[in-house]
Every structure is written in C-alpha cells, then in structure tokens.
C-alpha cells in the first residue's frame, strides 16, 4: 500500500482552521489554499533525487547538490485543483504543468474524461496530482489511472482534506501512489461531502455556487 502522510505541521493546521471557517471569503480562501499547498509540497518533494555539481561561490569552489533529472510535473484535477497551483509553482517554478478534467455521467455515474493535456516528456518526470478534497476518491483514482497510461516515472497525490472512505479507496486502487494530506476527517455525508470538511472547495475558491 502506498505511503500515507497526514501533515501535522502547526502552520498548516492553523491555516487549515481558517480554511474551514464558513466566514472565510473567496479571496482569503484562495490565498490559504495556495499557502497550504506550498507548505505541503515541501514535504511531498522530500525524496526528490539529487546529484552533485561544482559551482563557484564569491570566495571559493563548492561541491553541492541540485535536483537530478527532468524534475516535476504538477497535474491539477479540474477545477478545484487549480487553486493549489500558485503555491506549488512558487516553490518549484521550473516544474511543468498538466491538466486533467473529469466529470461523472449523471445516469451511469461512471467517470468521463473531458480533458487531458500532459507534458510531452512526462515519462521522464515525477508527477504530483493535486486536488484539495479526497472525498469518495473517485476523481483521484480515475485521474491517476489516466496519467499512468502515459508512463510517468512516479505519481504522488497531494490533497488538503481526506475522508476515510476516499483515502481507503485510493490506497486500494493505486497502492503504489504516495498520498499527502493535511487532515483526515470523520466521514462522508449522504451527499458525498466530507464532514466536517470545508464545503465545496471549487465553489469557495472561485466564488461560485
């Protein structure tokens, strides 16, 4: 089973409390999502491979290390995943960005991919899939299934809040994917919302209902 990390850093937990508050408006909500994503990305990239290089400092020559290979690709799941992009790109500005869009057929409830655009060299990259909410796990499972067909080096999932049902489903469907979240909440309600959660992340990010 993939490694699951629930981040308990005080800064993340403080910002998460503000994020949950129903009185937090869209502008502040967007900023908080980006800040939490940046802090979580620090943890999710801890095992990136390094190589040694030699540089000249103003006073000497130094042997030091840089990230090895083609580095990262971030793939937000549309649309809420877009809210995490500014934060992760601020931390890793050289990363490539893909996008994947899925919706559920209202009659069959099966996932339908309506958009998938990934970096052409994704086979050489470590992919981090972004979605603030891991509720049933359906969107994350489907998105990762599609991305795997393109053969990336590795895939990680980075969310903010997870429900036990979604976390369990994602671990079972993709046991090779490491998962990073800021909180594991109580459960899903009858409408598929995470409790206590924060409501609809996409609506709160973009100010829609």
C-alpha atoms as a PDB file:
ATOM      1  CA  UNK A   1       0.000   0.000   0.000  1.00  0.00           C
ATOM      2  CA  UNK A   2       1.221   3.492  -0.780  1.00  0.00           C
ATOM      3  CA  UNK A   3       2.664   5.595   1.994  1.00  0.00           C
ATOM      4  CA  UNK A   4       0.094   7.963   3.544  1.00  0.00           C
ATOM      5  CA  UNK A   5       1.331  11.167   5.198  1.00  0.00           C
ATOM      6  CA  UNK A   6      -1.088  13.315   7.216  1.00  0.00           C
ATOM      7  CA  UNK A   7       0.822  16.543   7.806  1.00  0.00           C
ATOM      8  CA  UNK A   8       0.597  17.916  11.336  1.00  0.00           C
ATOM      9  CA  UNK A   9       2.819  20.989  10.977  1.00  0.00           C
ATOM     10  CA  UNK A  10       1.479  23.834  13.161  1.00  0.00           C
ATOM     11  CA  UNK A  11       1.469  26.365  10.298  1.00  0.00           C
ATOM     12  CA  UNK A  12      -0.590  24.045   8.112  1.00  0.00           C
ATOM     13  CA  UNK A  13      -3.012  23.216  10.899  1.00  0.00           C
ATOM     14  CA  UNK A  14      -3.503  26.909  11.728  1.00  0.00           C
ATOM     15  CA  UNK A  15      -4.195  27.795   8.095  1.00  0.00           C
ATOM     16  CA  UNK A  16      -6.483  24.783   7.753  1.00  0.00           C
ATOM     17  CA  UNK A  17      -8.648  26.086  10.601  1.00  0.00           C
ATOM     18  CA  UNK A  18      -9.070  29.400   8.769  1.00  0.00           C
ATOM     19  CA  UNK A  19      -9.816  27.497   5.565  1.00  0.00           C
ATOM     20  CA  UNK A  20     -12.635  25.529   7.183  1.00  0.00           C
ATOM     21  CA  UNK A  21     -14.344  28.621   8.631  1.00  0.00           C
ATOM     22  CA  UNK A  22     -17.566  29.378   6.727  1.00  0.00           C
ATOM     23  CA  UNK A  23     -16.922  33.111   7.192  1.00  0.00           C
ATOM     24  CA  UNK A  24     -13.660  32.998   5.202  1.00  0.00           C
ATOM     25  CA  UNK A  25     -14.295  34.722   1.863  1.00  0.00           C
ATOM     26  CA  UNK A  26     -13.097  33.608  -1.560  1.00  0.00           C
ATOM     27  CA  UNK A  27     -10.062  35.911  -1.705  1.00  0.00           C
ATOM     28  CA  UNK A  28      -8.676  34.721   1.623  1.00  0.00           C
ATOM     29  CA  UNK A  29      -9.720  31.140   0.881  1.00  0.00           C
ATOM     30  CA  UNK A  30      -7.722  31.142  -2.394  1.00  0.00           C
ATOM     31  CA  UNK A  31      -4.672  32.538  -0.613  1.00  0.00           C
ATOM     32  CA  UNK A  32      -4.902  29.928   2.138  1.00  0.00           C
ATOM     33  CA  UNK A  33      -5.228  27.050  -0.337  1.00  0.00           C
ATOM     34  CA  UNK A  34      -2.087  28.261  -2.107  1.00  0.00           C
ATOM     35  CA  UNK A  35      -0.168  28.668   1.151  1.00  0.00           C
ATOM     36  CA  UNK A  36      -1.154  25.219   2.421  1.00  0.00           C
ATOM     37  CA  UNK A  37      -0.248  23.672  -0.947  1.00  0.00           C
ATOM     38  CA  UNK A  38       3.192  25.291  -0.822  1.00  0.00           C
ATOM     39  CA  UNK A  39       3.864  24.016   2.691  1.00  0.00           C
ATOM     40  CA  UNK A  40       2.651  20.523   1.813  1.00  0.00           C
ATOM     41  CA  UNK A  41       4.749  20.470  -1.356  1.00  0.00           C
ATOM     42  CA  UNK A  42       7.840  20.889   0.818  1.00  0.00           C
ATOM     43  CA  UNK A  43       7.004  17.553   2.444  1.00  0.00           C
ATOM     44  CA  UNK A  44       5.891  15.798  -0.751  1.00  0.00           C
ATOM     45  CA  UNK A  45       9.189  16.602  -2.516  1.00  0.00           C
ATOM     46  CA  UNK A  46      11.418  15.456   0.333  1.00  0.00           C
ATOM     47  CA  UNK A  47      12.637  12.377  -1.588  1.00  0.00           C
ATOM     48  CA  UNK A  48      13.444  14.012  -4.938  1.00  0.00           C
ATOM     49  CA  UNK A  49      16.749  12.632  -6.295  1.00  0.00           C
ATOM     50  CA  UNK A  50      19.820  14.869  -6.131  1.00  0.00           C
ATOM     51  CA  UNK A  51      23.116  14.995  -7.985  1.00  0.00           C
ATOM     52  CA  UNK A  52      26.388  16.658  -7.069  1.00  0.00           C
ATOM     53  CA  UNK A  53      27.624  19.680  -9.018  1.00  0.00           C
ATOM     54  CA  UNK A  54      30.553  22.034  -8.636  1.00  0.00           C
ATOM     55  CA  UNK A  55      29.996  25.802  -8.524  1.00  0.00           C
ATOM     56  CA  UNK A  56      31.993  28.896  -7.685  1.00  0.00           C
ATOM     57  CA  UNK A  57      30.881  30.980  -4.739  1.00  0.00           C
ATOM     58  CA  UNK A  58      32.233  34.537  -4.374  1.00  0.00           C
ATOM     59  CA  UNK A  59      35.059  33.162  -2.225  1.00  0.00           C
ATOM     60  CA  UNK A  60      35.682  29.524  -3.209  1.00  0.00           C
ATOM     61  CA  UNK A  61      34.666  26.446  -5.170  1.00  0.00           C
ATOM     62  CA  UNK A  62      31.907  24.348  -3.649  1.00  0.00           C
ATOM     63  CA  UNK A  63      30.633  20.870  -4.309  1.00  0.00           C
ATOM     64  CA  UNK A  64      26.889  20.986  -3.732  1.00  0.00           C
ATOM     65  CA  UNK A  65      23.696  19.337  -4.897  1.00  0.00           C
ATOM     66  CA  UNK A  66      20.828  20.063  -7.281  1.00  0.00           C
ATOM     67  CA  UNK A  67      17.715  18.125  -8.225  1.00  0.00           C
ATOM     68  CA  UNK A  68      18.570  15.371 -10.698  1.00  0.00           C
ATOM     69  CA  UNK A  69      16.743  14.692 -13.957  1.00  0.00           C
ATOM     70  CA  UNK A  70      13.708  16.397 -15.501  1.00  0.00           C
ATOM     71  CA  UNK A  71      12.214  17.173 -12.097  1.00  0.00           C
ATOM     72  CA  UNK A  72       8.494  17.572 -11.531  1.00  0.00           C
ATOM     73  CA  UNK A  73       5.163  17.815 -13.261  1.00  0.00           C
ATOM     74  CA  UNK A  74       2.111  19.039 -11.382  1.00  0.00           C
ATOM     75  CA  UNK A  75      -1.290  17.854 -12.607  1.00  0.00           C
ATOM     76  CA  UNK A  76      -4.289  19.588 -11.001  1.00  0.00           C
ATOM     77  CA  UNK A  77      -7.643  17.881 -11.320  1.00  0.00           C
ATOM     78  CA  UNK A  78     -10.021  20.483 -12.750  1.00  0.00           C
ATOM     79  CA  UNK A  79     -11.309  22.621 -11.367  1.00  0.00           C
ATOM     80  CA  UNK A  80     -10.551  22.784  -7.646  1.00  0.00           C
ATOM     81  CA  UNK A  81      -7.007  21.522  -8.150  1.00  0.00           C
ATOM     82  CA  UNK A  82      -6.196  24.793  -9.910  1.00  0.00           C
ATOM     83  CA  UNK A  83      -6.399  26.524  -6.537  1.00  0.00           C
ATOM     84  CA  UNK A  84      -3.241  24.720  -5.427  1.00  0.00           C
ATOM     85  CA  UNK A  85      -1.144  25.669  -8.450  1.00  0.00           C
ATOM     86  CA  UNK A  86       0.180  29.080  -7.407  1.00  0.00           C
ATOM     87  CA  UNK A  87       1.508  27.655  -4.172  1.00  0.00           C
ATOM     88  CA  UNK A  88       3.367  24.696  -5.635  1.00  0.00           C
ATOM     89  CA  UNK A  89       4.754  26.688  -8.573  1.00  0.00           C
ATOM     90  CA  UNK A  90       6.084  29.329  -6.185  1.00  0.00           C
ATOM     91  CA  UNK A  91       8.104  26.548  -4.568  1.00  0.00           C
ATOM     92  CA  UNK A  92       9.079  24.721  -7.797  1.00  0.00           C
ATOM     93  CA  UNK A  93       8.875  27.293 -10.627  1.00  0.00           C
ATOM     94  CA  UNK A  94      10.687  25.033 -13.114  1.00  0.00           C
ATOM     95  CA  UNK A  95       8.007  22.325 -12.937  1.00  0.00           C
ATOM     96  CA  UNK A  96       5.815  21.511 -15.917  1.00  0.00           C
ATOM     97  CA  UNK A  97       2.041  21.589 -15.574  1.00  0.00           C
ATOM     98  CA  UNK A  98      -0.566  19.233 -16.997  1.00  0.00           C
ATOM     99  CA  UNK A  99      -4.335  19.358 -16.588  1.00  0.00           C
ATOM    100  CA  UNK A 100      -6.947  16.655 -16.333  1.00  0.00           C
ATOM    101  CA  UNK A 101     -10.705  17.142 -16.289  1.00  0.00           C
ATOM    102  CA  UNK A 102     -13.266  14.520 -15.316  1.00  0.00           C
ATOM    103  CA  UNK A 103     -16.993  14.508 -14.692  1.00  0.00           C
ATOM    104  CA  UNK A 104     -19.460  11.837 -13.649  1.00  0.00           C
ATOM    105  CA  UNK A 105     -22.158  10.805 -16.083  1.00  0.00           C
ATOM    106  CA  UNK A 106     -25.331  11.580 -14.097  1.00  0.00           C
ATOM    107  CA  UNK A 107     -27.056   8.421 -15.326  1.00  0.00           C
ATOM    108  CA  UNK A 108     -24.294   5.825 -15.224  1.00  0.00           C
ATOM    109  CA  UNK A 109     -22.194   7.573 -12.522  1.00  0.00           C
ATOM    110  CA  UNK A 110     -19.140   6.480 -14.496  1.00  0.00           C
ATOM    111  CA  UNK A 111     -16.239   8.902 -14.949  1.00  0.00           C
ATOM    112  CA  UNK A 112     -15.920  10.688 -18.268  1.00  0.00           C
ATOM    113  CA  UNK A 113     -12.633  12.321 -19.171  1.00  0.00           C
ATOM    114  CA  UNK A 114     -13.284  15.581 -20.989  1.00  0.00           C
ATOM    115  CA  UNK A 115      -9.760  16.982 -20.985  1.00  0.00           C
ATOM    116  CA  UNK A 116      -6.254  15.641 -20.538  1.00  0.00           C
ATOM    117  CA  UNK A 117      -3.162  17.598 -21.508  1.00  0.00           C
ATOM    118  CA  UNK A 118       0.130  16.403 -20.048  1.00  0.00           C
ATOM    119  CA  UNK A 119       3.771  17.371 -20.660  1.00  0.00           C
ATOM    120  CA  UNK A 120       5.210  15.565 -23.675  1.00  0.00           C
ATOM    121  CA  UNK A 121       8.181  14.364 -21.611  1.00  0.00           C
ATOM    122  CA  UNK A 122       6.063  13.080 -18.721  1.00  0.00           C
ATOM    123  CA  UNK A 123       7.855   9.716 -18.916  1.00  0.00           C
ATOM    124  CA  UNK A 124      10.918  11.489 -17.514  1.00  0.00           C
ATOM    125  CA  UNK A 125       9.111  13.297 -14.708  1.00  0.00           C
ATOM    126  CA  UNK A 126       7.832  12.732 -11.207  1.00  0.00           C
ATOM    127  CA  UNK A 127       4.121  13.629 -11.195  1.00  0.00           C
ATOM    128  CA  UNK A 128       2.199  15.153  -8.293  1.00  0.00           C
ATOM    129  CA  UNK A 129      -1.586  15.123  -8.747  1.00  0.00           C
ATOM    130  CA  UNK A 130      -3.384  17.986  -6.995  1.00  0.00           C
ATOM    131  CA  UNK A 131      -6.941  18.098  -5.635  1.00  0.00           C
ATOM    132  CA  UNK A 132      -7.918  19.825  -2.375  1.00  0.00           C
ATOM    133  CA  UNK A 133     -10.572  17.284  -1.401  1.00  0.00           C
ATOM    134  CA  UNK A 134     -10.289  13.491  -1.369  1.00  0.00           C
ATOM    135  CA  UNK A 135     -13.929  12.567  -0.735  1.00  0.00           C
ATOM    136  CA  UNK A 136     -15.071   9.328  -2.382  1.00  0.00           C
ATOM    137  CA  UNK A 137     -11.696   9.070  -4.095  1.00  0.00           C
ATOM    138  CA  UNK A 138     -13.332   8.572  -7.492  1.00  0.00           C
ATOM    139  CA  UNK A 139     -11.831  11.571  -9.292  1.00  0.00           C
ATOM    140  CA  UNK A 140      -8.333  10.938  -7.934  1.00  0.00           C
ATOM    141  CA  UNK A 141      -8.480   7.246  -8.843  1.00  0.00           C
ATOM    142  CA  UNK A 142      -9.671   7.992 -12.376  1.00  0.00           C
ATOM    143  CA  UNK A 143      -7.171  10.794 -12.940  1.00  0.00           C
ATOM    144  CA  UNK A 144      -4.250   8.672 -11.763  1.00  0.00           C
ATOM    145  CA  UNK A 145      -5.433   5.792 -13.958  1.00  0.00           C
ATOM    146  CA  UNK A 146      -5.346   8.099 -16.996  1.00  0.00           C
ATOM    147  CA  UNK A 147      -1.942   9.537 -16.081  1.00  0.00           C
ATOM    148  CA  UNK A 148      -0.449   6.073 -15.595  1.00  0.00           C
ATOM    149  CA  UNK A 149      -1.258   5.289 -19.243  1.00  0.00           C
ATOM    150  CA  UNK A 150       1.280   7.984 -20.202  1.00  0.00           C
ATOM    151  CA  UNK A 151       4.033   6.268 -18.215  1.00  0.00           C
ATOM    152  CA  UNK A 152       5.438   8.827 -15.735  1.00  0.00           C
ATOM    153  CA  UNK A 153       8.360   7.869 -13.512  1.00  0.00           C
ATOM    154  CA  UNK A 154       6.304   8.104 -10.328  1.00  0.00           C
ATOM    155  CA  UNK A 155       2.951   9.533  -9.194  1.00  0.00           C
ATOM    156  CA  UNK A 156       2.039  11.122  -5.878  1.00  0.00           C
ATOM    157  CA  UNK A 157      -1.295  12.553  -4.775  1.00  0.00           C
ATOM    158  CA  UNK A 158      -1.446  15.757  -2.766  1.00  0.00           C
ATOM    159  CA  UNK A 159      -4.718  16.918  -1.224  1.00  0.00           C
ATOM    160  CA  UNK A 160      -5.730  19.039   1.743  1.00  0.00           C
ATOM    161  CA  UNK A 161      -8.640  17.202   3.392  1.00  0.00           C
ATOM    162  CA  UNK A 162      -9.392  13.484   3.032  1.00  0.00           C
ATOM    163  CA  UNK A 163     -12.324  11.343   4.103  1.00  0.00           C
ATOM    164  CA  UNK A 164     -11.513   7.822   5.364  1.00  0.00           C
ATOM    165  CA  UNK A 165     -13.623   6.350   2.552  1.00  0.00           C
ATOM    166  CA  UNK A 166     -11.685   8.179  -0.155  1.00  0.00           C
ATOM    167  CA  UNK A 167      -8.300   7.501   1.372  1.00  0.00           C
ATOM    168  CA  UNK A 168      -9.061   3.794   1.629  1.00  0.00           C
ATOM    169  CA  UNK A 169     -10.381   3.636  -1.943  1.00  0.00           C
ATOM    170  CA  UNK A 170      -7.340   5.436  -3.382  1.00  0.00           C
ATOM    171  CA  UNK A 171      -4.904   3.242  -1.449  1.00  0.00           C
ATOM    172  CA  UNK A 172      -6.620   0.097  -2.721  1.00  0.00           C
ATOM    173  CA  UNK A 173      -6.876   1.274  -6.339  1.00  0.00           C
ATOM    174  CA  UNK A 174      -3.327   2.639  -6.555  1.00  0.00           C
ATOM    175  CA  UNK A 175      -1.161   1.074  -3.828  1.00  0.00           C
ATOM    176  CA  UNK A 176       1.993   2.401  -5.500  1.00  0.00           C
ATOM    177  CA  UNK A 177       0.956   6.066  -5.107  1.00  0.00           C
ATOM    178  CA  UNK A 178       2.156   8.021  -2.072  1.00  0.00           C
ATOM    179  CA  UNK A 179      -0.567  10.240  -0.593  1.00  0.00           C
ATOM    180  CA  UNK A 180      -0.118  13.539   1.234  1.00  0.00           C
ATOM    181  CA  UNK A 181      -2.980  15.313   3.039  1.00  0.00           C
ATOM    182  CA  UNK A 182      -3.266  17.941   5.757  1.00  0.00           C
ATOM    183  CA  UNK A 183      -6.198  16.348   7.581  1.00  0.00           C
ATOM    184  CA  UNK A 184      -8.114  13.087   7.769  1.00  0.00           C
ATOM    185  CA  UNK A 185     -11.708  13.989   8.604  1.00  0.00           C
ATOM    186  CA  UNK A 186     -14.538  11.990  10.146  1.00  0.00           C
ATOM    187  CA  UNK A 187     -16.617  10.678   7.232  1.00  0.00           C
ATOM    188  CA  UNK A 188     -18.702  11.464   4.144  1.00  0.00           C
ATOM    189  CA  UNK A 189     -22.304  12.613   4.490  1.00  0.00           C
ATOM    190  CA  UNK A 190     -25.188  11.325   2.375  1.00  0.00           C
ATOM    191  CA  UNK A 191     -24.368  13.832  -0.376  1.00  0.00           C
ATOM    192  CA  UNK A 192     -20.707  12.852  -0.634  1.00  0.00           C
ATOM    193  CA  UNK A 193     -19.384  15.894   1.261  1.00  0.00           C
ATOM    194  CA  UNK A 194     -16.588  15.471   3.784  1.00  0.00           C
ATOM    195  CA  UNK A 195     -17.561  16.057   7.435  1.00  0.00           C
ATOM    196  CA  UNK A 196     -16.609  18.422   8.979  1.00  0.00           C
ATOM    197  CA  UNK A 197     -14.737  19.387   5.785  1.00  0.00           C
ATOM    198  CA  UNK A 198     -14.973  22.868   4.342  1.00  0.00           C
ATOM    199  CA  UNK A 199     -17.839  22.643   1.858  1.00  0.00           C
ATOM    200  CA  UNK A 200     -17.283  22.688  -1.901  1.00  0.00           C
ATOM    201  CA  UNK A 201     -13.650  23.659  -2.476  1.00  0.00           C
ATOM    202  CA  UNK A 202     -14.219  24.684  -6.101  1.00  0.00           C
ATOM    203  CA  UNK A 203     -17.119  26.971  -5.217  1.00  0.00           C
ATOM    204  CA  UNK A 204     -15.188  28.575  -2.383  1.00  0.00           C
ATOM    205  CA  UNK A 205     -12.051  29.065  -4.474  1.00  0.00           C
ATOM    206  CA  UNK A 206     -13.844  30.608  -7.439  1.00  0.00           C
ATOM    207  CA  UNK A 207     -16.780  32.263  -5.681  1.00  0.00           C
ATOM    208  CA  UNK A 208     -19.447  30.156  -7.417  1.00  0.00           C
ATOM    209  CA  UNK A 209     -22.423  28.237  -6.110  1.00  0.00           C
END
